[in-house]
Amino acid sequence: MRRGEIYRVHQPEGDPKRHRAFVVVSRQTLLDSAYTTVVGAPVFTNGDGLSTQVAVGQEEGLKHESWIVCDNLRSLRKSDLTQFVGSLSWSKLTELDKALKVALALE
């Protein structure tokens, strides 16, 4: 599992959809550890173009143009991340980092 990978999660807790795609945003050190959870950013088909959202689509393995929403980070069990969808490019990871900084008021 790598930072920036997208996984489809079956019935994520508290989510009305049967499946939801999430981008892994945890640092790689955590992902490589025995820790059982990671932080993920959900992917929605609707977005507003906010500075806390990143546009993604078929280039990243998704079926539709979508948005990574950094204002709604979730803790996910690693064991739930079994349906690999795709990965973010280096430039999309850079956009994601900027969106996370804004969402978490780190600038």
Foldseek 3Di string as FASTA:
>chain_A
DAQQWKFWFAPDPPDPDRIWIWGFHAHVVVVPDPDFKTKTFTKAQDDDPDLLKAWDDVVFQHPHTIIGHLLDIDIDTPVRRDGTRGGDDPVSVVSNVRSNCVNVVVD
